[in-house]
Amino acid sequence: GAGALTGLAIATQLPKRVVAQPKFSAFPFSLGVASGEPL
């Protein structure tokens, strides 16, 4: 709705296609979890 944005600017600023409720062929967290760089 901003109007002033060019088509290219809108294309680069809008999110790409998002799949909010994806379905998976297998467990997606197959590589586990990790943490690091503690401050």
All heavy atoms as atom14 arrays in JSON, in Angstrom:
{
  "sequence": "GAGALTGLAIATQLPKRVVAQPKFSAFPFSLGVASGEPL",
  "atom14_mask": [
    [1, 1, 1, 1, 0, 0, 0, 0, 0, 0, 0, 0, 0, 0],
    [1, 1, 1, 1, 1, 0, 0, 0, 0, 0, 0, 0, 0, 0],
    [1, 1, 1, 1, 0, 0, 0, 0, 0, 0, 0, 0, 0, 0],
    [1, 1, 1, 1, 1, 0, 0, 0, 0, 0, 0, 0, 0, 0],
    [1, 1, 1, 1, 1, 1, 1, 1, 0, 0, 0, 0, 0, 0],
    [1, 1, 1, 1, 1, 1, 1, 0, 0, 0, 0, 0, 0, 0],
    [1, 1, 1, 1, 0, 0, 0, 0, 0, 0, 0, 0, 0, 0],
    [1, 1, 1, 1, 1, 1, 1, 1, 0, 0, 0, 0, 0, 0],
    [1, 1, 1, 1, 1, 0, 0, 0, 0, 0, 0, 0, 0, 0],
    [1, 1, 1, 1, 1, 1, 1, 1, 0, 0, 0, 0, 0, 0],
    [1, 1, 1, 1, 1, 0, 0, 0, 0, 0, 0, 0, 0, 0],
    [1, 1, 1, 1, 1, 1, 1, 0, 0, 0, 0, 0, 0, 0],
    [1, 1, 1, 1, 1, 1, 1, 1, 1, 0, 0, 0, 0, 0],
    [1, 1, 1, 1, 1, 1, 1, 1, 0, 0, 0, 0, 0, 0],
    [1, 1, 1, 1, 1, 1, 1, 0, 0, 0, 0, 0, 0, 0],
    [1, 1, 1, 1, 1, 1, 1, 1, 1, 0, 0, 0, 0, 0],
    [1, 1, 1, 1, 1, 1, 1, 1, 1, 1, 1, 0, 0, 0],
    [1, 1, 1, 1, 1, 1, 1, 0, 0, 0, 0, 0, 0, 0],
    [1, 1, 1, 1, 1, 1, 1, 0, 0, 0, 0, 0, 0, 0],
    [1, 1, 1, 1, 1, 0, 0, 0, 0, 0, 0, 0, 0, 0],
    [1, 1, 1, 1, 1, 1, 1, 1, 1, 0, 0, 0, 0, 0],
    [1, 1, 1, 1, 1, 1, 1, 0, 0, 0, 0, 0, 0, 0],
    [1, 1, 1, 1, 1, 1, 1, 1, 1, 0, 0, 0, 0, 0],
    [1, 1, 1, 1, 1, 1, 1, 1, 1, 1, 1, 0, 0, 0],
    [1, 1, 1, 1, 1, 1, 0, 0, 0, 0, 0, 0, 0, 0],
    [1, 1, 1, 1, 1, 0, 0, 0, 0, 0, 0, 0, 0, 0],
    [1, 1, 1, 1, 1, 1, 1, 1, 1, 1, 1, 0, 0, 0],
    [1, 1, 1, 1, 1, 1, 1, 0, 0, 0, 0, 0, 0, 0],
    [1, 1, 1, 1, 1, 1, 1, 1, 1, 1, 1, 0, 0, 0],
    [1, 1, 1, 1, 1, 1, 0, 0, 0, 0, 0, 0, 0, 0],
    [1, 1, 1, 1, 1, 1, 1, 1, 0, 0, 0, 0, 0, 0],
    [1, 1, 1, 1, 0, 0, 0, 0, 0, 0, 0, 0, 0, 0],
    [1, 1, 1, 1, 1, 1, 1, 0, 0, 0, 0, 0, 0, 0],
    [1, 1, 1, 1, 1, 0, 0, 0, 0, 0, 0, 0, 0, 0],
    [1, 1, 1, 1, 1, 1, 0, 0, 0, 0, 0, 0, 0, 0],
    [1, 1, 1, 1, 0, 0, 0, 0, 0, 0, 0, 0, 0, 0],
    [1, 1, 1, 1, 1, 1, 1, 1, 1, 0, 0, 0, 0, 0],
    [1, 1, 1, 1, 1, 1, 1, 0, 0, 0, 0, 0, 0, 0],
    [1, 1, 1, 1, 1, 1, 1, 1, 0, 0, 0, 0, 0, 0]
  ],
  "atom14_positions": [
    [[0.79, -1.22, 0.0], [0.0, 0.0, 0.0], [0.82, 1.27, 0.0], [0.27, 2.36, -0.09], [0.0, 0.0, 0.0], [0.0, 0.0, 0.0], [0.0, 0.0, 0.0], [0.0, 0.0, 0.0], [0.0, 0.0, 0.0], [0.0, 0.0, 0.0], [0.0, 0.0, 0.0], [0.0, 0.0, 0.0], [0.0, 0.0, 0.0], [0.0, 0.0, 0.0]],
    [[2.15, 1.14, 0.06], [2.98, 2.34, 0.15], [2.95, 3.15, -1.13], [3.11, 4.38, -1.11], [4.42, 1.95, 0.48], [0.0, 0.0, 0.0], [0.0, 0.0, 0.0], [0.0, 0.0, 0.0], [0.0, 0.0, 0.0], [0.0, 0.0, 0.0], [0.0, 0.0, 0.0], [0.0, 0.0, 0.0], [0.0, 0.0, 0.0], [0.0, 0.0, 0.0]],
    [[2.78, 2.51, -2.28], [2.63, 3.24, -3.53], [3.93, 3.76, -4.09], [4.18, 3.66, -5.29], [0.0, 0.0, 0.0], [0.0, 0.0, 0.0], [0.0, 0.0, 0.0], [0.0, 0.0, 0.0], [0.0, 0.0, 0.0], [0.0, 0.0, 0.0], [0.0, 0.0, 0.0], [0.0, 0.0, 0.0], [0.0, 0.0, 0.0], [0.0, 0.0, 0.0]],
    [[4.77, 4.32, -3.24], [6.01, 4.92, -3.72], [7.06, 3.88, -4.08], [8.03, 4.19, -4.75], [6.58, 5.86, -2.65], [0.0, 0.0, 0.0], [0.0, 0.0, 0.0], [0.0, 0.0, 0.0], [0.0, 0.0, 0.0], [0.0, 0.0, 0.0], [0.0, 0.0, 0.0], [0.0, 0.0, 0.0], [0.0, 0.0, 0.0], [0.0, 0.0, 0.0]],
    [[6.89, 2.67, -3.61], [7.87, 1.63, -3.87], [7.77, 1.16, -5.31], [6.67, 0.97, -5.84], [7.67, 0.43, -2.94], [7.97, 0.66, -1.46], [7.61, -0.6, -0.68], [9.42, 1.02, -1.22], [0.0, 0.0, 0.0], [0.0, 0.0, 0.0], [0.0, 0.0, 0.0], [0.0, 0.0, 0.0], [0.0, 0.0, 0.0], [0.0, 0.0, 0.0]],
    [[8.92, 0.96, -5.95], [8.93, 0.4, -7.28], [8.64, -1.08, -7.22], [8.7, -1.71, -6.16], [10.31, 0.6, -7.94], [11.27, -0.18, -7.24], [10.71, 2.06, -7.93], [0.0, 0.0, 0.0], [0.0, 0.0, 0.0], [0.0, 0.0, 0.0], [0.0, 0.0, 0.0], [0.0, 0.0, 0.0], [0.0, 0.0, 0.0], [0.0, 0.0, 0.0]],
    [[8.33, -1.67, -8.4], [8.09, -3.1, -8.44], [9.28, -3.89, -7.96], [9.14, -4.87, -7.25], [0.0, 0.0, 0.0], [0.0, 0.0, 0.0], [0.0, 0.0, 0.0], [0.0, 0.0, 0.0], [0.0, 0.0, 0.0], [0.0, 0.0, 0.0], [0.0, 0.0, 0.0], [0.0, 0.0, 0.0], [0.0, 0.0, 0.0], [0.0, 0.0, 0.0]],
    [[10.52, -3.44, -8.33], [11.72, -4.15, -7.89], [11.88, -4.05, -6.39], [12.19, -5.02, -5.71], [12.95, -3.56, -8.6], [14.3, -4.17, -8.18], [14.31, -5.67, -8.51], [15.45, -3.46, -8.89], [0.0, 0.0, 0.0], [0.0, 0.0, 0.0], [0.0, 0.0, 0.0], [0.0, 0.0, 0.0], [0.0, 0.0, 0.0], [0.0, 0.0, 0.0]],
    [[11.61, -2.87, -5.83], [11.75, -2.7, -4.38], [10.76, -3.59, -3.64], [11.1, -4.2, -2.63], [11.54, -1.24, -3.98], [0.0, 0.0, 0.0], [0.0, 0.0, 0.0], [0.0, 0.0, 0.0], [0.0, 0.0, 0.0], [0.0, 0.0, 0.0], [0.0, 0.0, 0.0], [0.0, 0.0, 0.0], [0.0, 0.0, 0.0], [0.0, 0.0, 0.0]],
    [[9.52, -3.66, -4.16], [8.54, -4.53, -3.53], [8.99, -5.98, -3.6], [8.91, -6.74, -2.63], [7.16, -4.35, -4.18], [6.62, -2.94, -3.88], [6.19, -5.41, -3.7], [5.33, -2.63, -4.6], [0.0, 0.0, 0.0], [0.0, 0.0, 0.0], [0.0, 0.0, 0.0], [0.0, 0.0, 0.0], [0.0, 0.0, 0.0], [0.0, 0.0, 0.0]],
    [[9.51, -6.38, -4.75], [9.94, -7.77, -4.92], [11.06, -8.13, -3.98], [11.12, -9.25, -3.48], [10.38, -8.0, -6.37], [0.0, 0.0, 0.0], [0.0, 0.0, 0.0], [0.0, 0.0, 0.0], [0.0, 0.0, 0.0], [0.0, 0.0, 0.0], [0.0, 0.0, 0.0], [0.0, 0.0, 0.0], [0.0, 0.0, 0.0], [0.0, 0.0, 0.0]],
    [[11.96, -7.18, -3.72], [13.09, -7.5, -2.85], [12.73, -7.39, -1.38], [13.38, -8.0, -0.54], [14.27, -6.55, -3.15], [13.83, -5.2, -3.0], [14.8, -6.77, -4.56], [0.0, 0.0, 0.0], [0.0, 0.0, 0.0], [0.0, 0.0, 0.0], [0.0, 0.0, 0.0], [0.0, 0.0, 0.0], [0.0, 0.0, 0.0], [0.0, 0.0, 0.0]],
    [[11.69, -6.63, -1.03], [11.36, -6.45, 0.37], [10.26, -7.39, 0.85], [10.18, -7.69, 2.03], [10.95, -5.01, 0.63], [12.1, -4.02, 0.44], [11.72, -2.64, 0.88], [11.26, -2.43, 2.0], [11.89, -1.66, -0.02], [0.0, 0.0, 0.0], [0.0, 0.0, 0.0], [0.0, 0.0, 0.0], [0.0, 0.0, 0.0], [0.0, 0.0, 0.0]],
    [[9.42, -7.86, -0.08], [8.38, -8.78, 0.33], [8.99, -10.15, 0.62], [9.97, -10.55, 0.0], [7.33, -8.92, -0.78], [6.4, -7.73, -0.97], [5.46, -8.01, -2.12], [5.62, -7.43, 0.3], [0.0, 0.0, 0.0], [0.0, 0.0, 0.0], [0.0, 0.0, 0.0], [0.0, 0.0, 0.0], [0.0, 0.0, 0.0], [0.0, 0.0, 0.0]],
    [[8.42, -10.88, 1.56], [8.94, -12.21, 1.83], [8.74, -13.15, 0.65], [7.8, -12.99, -0.13], [8.12, -12.67, 3.05], [6.86, -11.87, 2.98], [7.25, -10.55, 2.4], [0.0, 0.0, 0.0], [0.0, 0.0, 0.0], [0.0, 0.0, 0.0], [0.0, 0.0, 0.0], [0.0, 0.0, 0.0], [0.0, 0.0, 0.0], [0.0, 0.0, 0.0]],
    [[9.65, -14.11, 0.51], [9.44, -15.16, -0.47], [8.28, -16.03, 0.0], [7.76, -15.88, 1.09], [10.71, -15.98, -0.62], [11.88, -15.19, -1.21], [13.08, -16.08, -1.39], [14.23, -15.28, -2.0], [15.43, -16.11, -2.21], [0.0, 0.0, 0.0], [0.0, 0.0, 0.0], [0.0, 0.0, 0.0], [0.0, 0.0, 0.0], [0.0, 0.0, 0.0]],
    [[7.91, -16.97, -0.84], [6.81, -17.86, -0.49], [7.11, -18.53, 0.84], [8.18, -19.09, 1.06], [6.64, -18.92, -1.58], [5.48, -19.86, -1.31], [5.38, -20.94, -2.37], [4.44, -21.96, -1.92], [4.58, -23.23, -2.19], [5.62, -23.66, -2.87], [3.67, -24.1, -1.76], [0.0, 0.0, 0.0], [0.0, 0.0, 0.0], [0.0, 0.0, 0.0]],
    [[6.15, -18.47, 1.75], [6.29, -19.02, 3.09], [5.3, -20.16, 3.25], [4.12, -20.02, 2.93], [6.03, -17.94, 4.17], [6.09, -18.56, 5.56], [7.03, -16.8, 4.03], [0.0, 0.0, 0.0], [0.0, 0.0, 0.0], [0.0, 0.0, 0.0], [0.0, 0.0, 0.0], [0.0, 0.0, 0.0], [0.0, 0.0, 0.0], [0.0, 0.0, 0.0]],
    [[5.79, -21.27, 3.75], [4.93, -22.41, 4.06], [4.87, -22.52, 5.58], [5.82, -22.95, 6.22], [5.46, -23.71, 3.43], [4.57, -24.88, 3.83], [5.53, -23.58, 1.92], [0.0, 0.0, 0.0], [0.0, 0.0, 0.0], [0.0, 0.0, 0.0], [0.0, 0.0, 0.0], [0.0, 0.0, 0.0], [0.0, 0.0, 0.0], [0.0, 0.0, 0.0]],
    [[3.75, -22.06, 6.14], [3.65, -21.97, 7.6], [3.4, -23.32, 8.25], [3.79, -23.55, 9.39], [2.54, -21.0, 7.99], [0.0, 0.0, 0.0], [0.0, 0.0, 0.0], [0.0, 0.0, 0.0], [0.0, 0.0, 0.0], [0.0, 0.0, 0.0], [0.0, 0.0, 0.0], [0.0, 0.0, 0.0], [0.0, 0.0, 0.0], [0.0, 0.0, 0.0]],
    [[2.71, -24.21, 7.56], [2.41, -25.53, 8.13], [2.93, -26.61, 7.17], [2.16, -27.3, 6.51], [0.9, -25.67, 8.34], [0.34, -24.78, 9.43], [0.86, -25.17, 10.81], [1.09, -26.34, 11.09], [1.05, -24.19, 11.67], [0.0, 0.0, 0.0], [0.0, 0.0, 0.0], [0.0, 0.0, 0.0], [0.0, 0.0, 0.0], [0.0, 0.0, 0.0]],
    [[4.23, -26.75, 7.09], [4.79, -27.71, 6.14], [4.55, -29.15, 6.59], [4.37, -29.44, 7.77], [6.28, -27.38, 6.17], [6.51, -26.83, 7.55], [5.27, -26.06, 7.88], [0.0, 0.0, 0.0], [0.0, 0.0, 0.0], [0.0, 0.0, 0.0], [0.0, 0.0, 0.0], [0.0, 0.0, 0.0], [0.0, 0.0, 0.0], [0.0, 0.0, 0.0]],
    [[4.53, -30.03, 5.61], [4.47, -31.46, 5.87], [5.79, -32.08, 5.44], [6.34, -31.72, 4.39], [3.3, -32.1, 5.14], [1.95, -31.6, 5.62], [0.8, -32.28, 4.88], [-0.55, -31.77, 5.39], [-1.69, -32.39, 4.67], [0.0, 0.0, 0.0], [0.0, 0.0, 0.0], [0.0, 0.0, 0.0], [0.0, 0.0, 0.0], [0.0, 0.0, 0.0]],
    [[6.29, -33.01, 6.21], [7.62, -33.56, 5.99], [7.55, -35.04, 5.68], [6.7, -35.76, 6.21], [8.51, -33.33, 7.22], [8.65, -31.89, 7.6], [7.91, -31.35, 8.64], [9.52, -31.07, 6.9], [8.04, -30.02, 8.99], [9.66, -29.73, 7.25], [8.92, -29.2, 8.29], [0.0, 0.0, 0.0], [0.0, 0.0, 0.0], [0.0, 0.0, 0.0]],
    [[8.49, -35.48, 4.86], [8.57, -36.9, 4.53], [9.12, -37.71, 5.68], [8.93, -38.93, 5.74], [9.45, -37.09, 3.29], [10.77, -36.59, 3.53], [0.0, 0.0, 0.0], [0.0, 0.0, 0.0], [0.0, 0.0, 0.0], [0.0, 0.0, 0.0], [0.0, 0.0, 0.0], [0.0, 0.0, 0.0], [0.0, 0.0, 0.0], [0.0, 0.0, 0.0]],
    [[9.84, -37.04, 6.6], [10.43, -37.7, 7.77], [10.69, -36.62, 8.82], [10.44, -35.43, 8.58], [11.71, -38.44, 7.4], [0.0, 0.0, 0.0], [0.0, 0.0, 0.0], [0.0, 0.0, 0.0], [0.0, 0.0, 0.0], [0.0, 0.0, 0.0], [0.0, 0.0, 0.0], [0.0, 0.0, 0.0], [0.0, 0.0, 0.0], [0.0, 0.0, 0.0]],
    [[11.2, -37.02, 9.96], [11.44, -36.09, 11.06], [12.39, -34.98, 10.6], [13.52, -35.27, 10.18], [12.02, -36.85, 12.24], [12.18, -36.04, 13.49], [11.11, -35.36, 14.04], [13.41, -35.98, 14.14], [11.25, -34.63, 15.2], [13.57, -35.26, 15.32], [12.48, -34.58, 15.85], [0.0, 0.0, 0.0], [0.0, 0.0, 0.0], [0.0, 0.0, 0.0]],
    [[11.98, -33.71, 10.68], [12.83, -32.64, 10.13], [14.03, -32.28, 10.99], [14.98, -31.67, 10.49], [11.86, -31.46, 10.03], [10.85, -31.72, 11.1], [10.69, -33.21, 11.15], [0.0, 0.0, 0.0], [0.0, 0.0, 0.0], [0.0, 0.0, 0.0], [0.0, 0.0, 0.0], [0.0, 0.0, 0.0], [0.0, 0.0, 0.0], [0.0, 0.0, 0.0]],
    [[14.01, -32.67, 12.28], [15.12, -32.33, 13.17], [16.11, -33.49, 13.27], [16.63, -33.8, 14.34], [14.59, -31.94, 14.55], [13.7, -30.74, 14.54], [12.32, -30.87, 14.7], [14.22, -29.47, 14.35], [11.5, -29.76, 14.7], [13.41, -28.35, 14.33], [12.03, -28.5, 14.51], [0.0, 0.0, 0.0], [0.0, 0.0, 0.0], [0.0, 0.0, 0.0]],
    [[16.39, -34.12, 12.13], [17.25, -35.31, 12.12], [18.68, -35.01, 12.52], [19.42, -35.93, 12.9], [17.24, -35.92, 10.71], [17.76, -34.98, 9.76], [0.0, 0.0, 0.0], [0.0, 0.0, 0.0], [0.0, 0.0, 0.0], [0.0, 0.0, 0.0], [0.0, 0.0, 0.0], [0.0, 0.0, 0.0], [0.0, 0.0, 0.0], [0.0, 0.0, 0.0]],
    [[19.1, -33.75, 12.47], [20.47, -33.39, 12.79], [20.61, -32.85, 14.21], [21.7, -32.39, 14.6], [20.99, -32.36, 11.78], [20.88, -32.79, 10.31], [21.48, -31.73, 9.39], [21.53, -34.14, 10.07], [0.0, 0.0, 0.0], [0.0, 0.0, 0.0], [0.0, 0.0, 0.0], [0.0, 0.0, 0.0], [0.0, 0.0, 0.0], [0.0, 0.0, 0.0]],
    [[19.53, -32.9, 14.98], [19.6, -32.5, 16.38], [19.54, -31.0, 16.57], [19.12, -30.23, 15.68], [0.0, 0.0, 0.0], [0.0, 0.0, 0.0], [0.0, 0.0, 0.0], [0.0, 0.0, 0.0], [0.0, 0.0, 0.0], [0.0, 0.0, 0.0], [0.0, 0.0, 0.0], [0.0, 0.0, 0.0], [0.0, 0.0, 0.0], [0.0, 0.0, 0.0]],
    [[19.95, -30.56, 17.75], [19.97, -29.15, 18.12], [21.33, -28.85, 18.73], [22.06, -29.75, 19.14], [18.84, -28.81, 19.12], [17.48, -29.09, 18.5], [19.01, -29.58, 20.43], [0.0, 0.0, 0.0], [0.0, 0.0, 0.0], [0.0, 0.0, 0.0], [0.0, 0.0, 0.0], [0.0, 0.0, 0.0], [0.0, 0.0, 0.0], [0.0, 0.0, 0.0]],
    [[21.65, -27.57, 18.78], [22.94, -27.17, 19.35], [22.83, -25.73, 19.82], [21.94, -24.98, 19.42], [24.06, -27.32, 18.33], [0.0, 0.0, 0.0], [0.0, 0.0, 0.0], [0.0, 0.0, 0.0], [0.0, 0.0, 0.0], [0.0, 0.0, 0.0], [0.0, 0.0, 0.0], [0.0, 0.0, 0.0], [0.0, 0.0, 0.0], [0.0, 0.0, 0.0]],
    [[23.79, -25.34, 20.66], [23.89, -23.95, 21.09], [25.37, -23.59, 21.16], [26.24, -24.46, 21.18], [23.22, -23.72, 22.45], [23.96, -24.36, 23.48], [0.0, 0.0, 0.0], [0.0, 0.0, 0.0], [0.0, 0.0, 0.0], [0.0, 0.0, 0.0], [0.0, 0.0, 0.0], [0.0, 0.0, 0.0], [0.0, 0.0, 0.0], [0.0, 0.0, 0.0]],
    [[25.64, -22.28, 21.19], [27.03, -21.87, 21.24], [27.2, -20.38, 21.43], [26.24, -19.64, 21.59], [0.0, 0.0, 0.0], [0.0, 0.0, 0.0], [0.0, 0.0, 0.0], [0.0, 0.0, 0.0], [0.0, 0.0, 0.0], [0.0, 0.0, 0.0], [0.0, 0.0, 0.0], [0.0, 0.0, 0.0], [0.0, 0.0, 0.0], [0.0, 0.0, 0.0]],
    [[28.46, -19.96, 21.41], [28.84, -18.56, 21.51], [28.22, -17.88, 22.73], [27.59, -16.82, 22.62], [28.44, -17.81, 20.24], [29.02, -18.4, 18.96], [30.54, -18.34, 18.93], [31.1, -17.24, 19.03], [31.16, -19.42, 18.83], [0.0, 0.0, 0.0], [0.0, 0.0, 0.0], [0.0, 0.0, 0.0], [0.0, 0.0, 0.0], [0.0, 0.0, 0.0]],
    [[28.4, -18.43, 23.94], [27.73, -17.86, 25.1], [28.29, -16.5, 25.5], [29.5, -16.32, 25.63], [27.99, -18.91, 26.2], [29.24, -19.61, 25.77], [29.2, -19.63, 24.27], [0.0, 0.0, 0.0], [0.0, 0.0, 0.0], [0.0, 0.0, 0.0], [0.0, 0.0, 0.0], [0.0, 0.0, 0.0], [0.0, 0.0, 0.0], [0.0, 0.0, 0.0]],
    [[27.39, -15.56, 25.68], [27.67, -14.26, 26.27], [26.88, -14.16, 27.58], [26.03, -15.0, 27.87], [27.25, -13.15, 25.31], [27.95, -13.12, 23.94], [27.38, -12.0, 23.08], [29.45, -12.96, 24.1], [0.0, 0.0, 0.0], [0.0, 0.0, 0.0], [0.0, 0.0, 0.0], [0.0, 0.0, 0.0], [0.0, 0.0, 0.0], [0.0, 0.0, 0.0]]
  ]
}
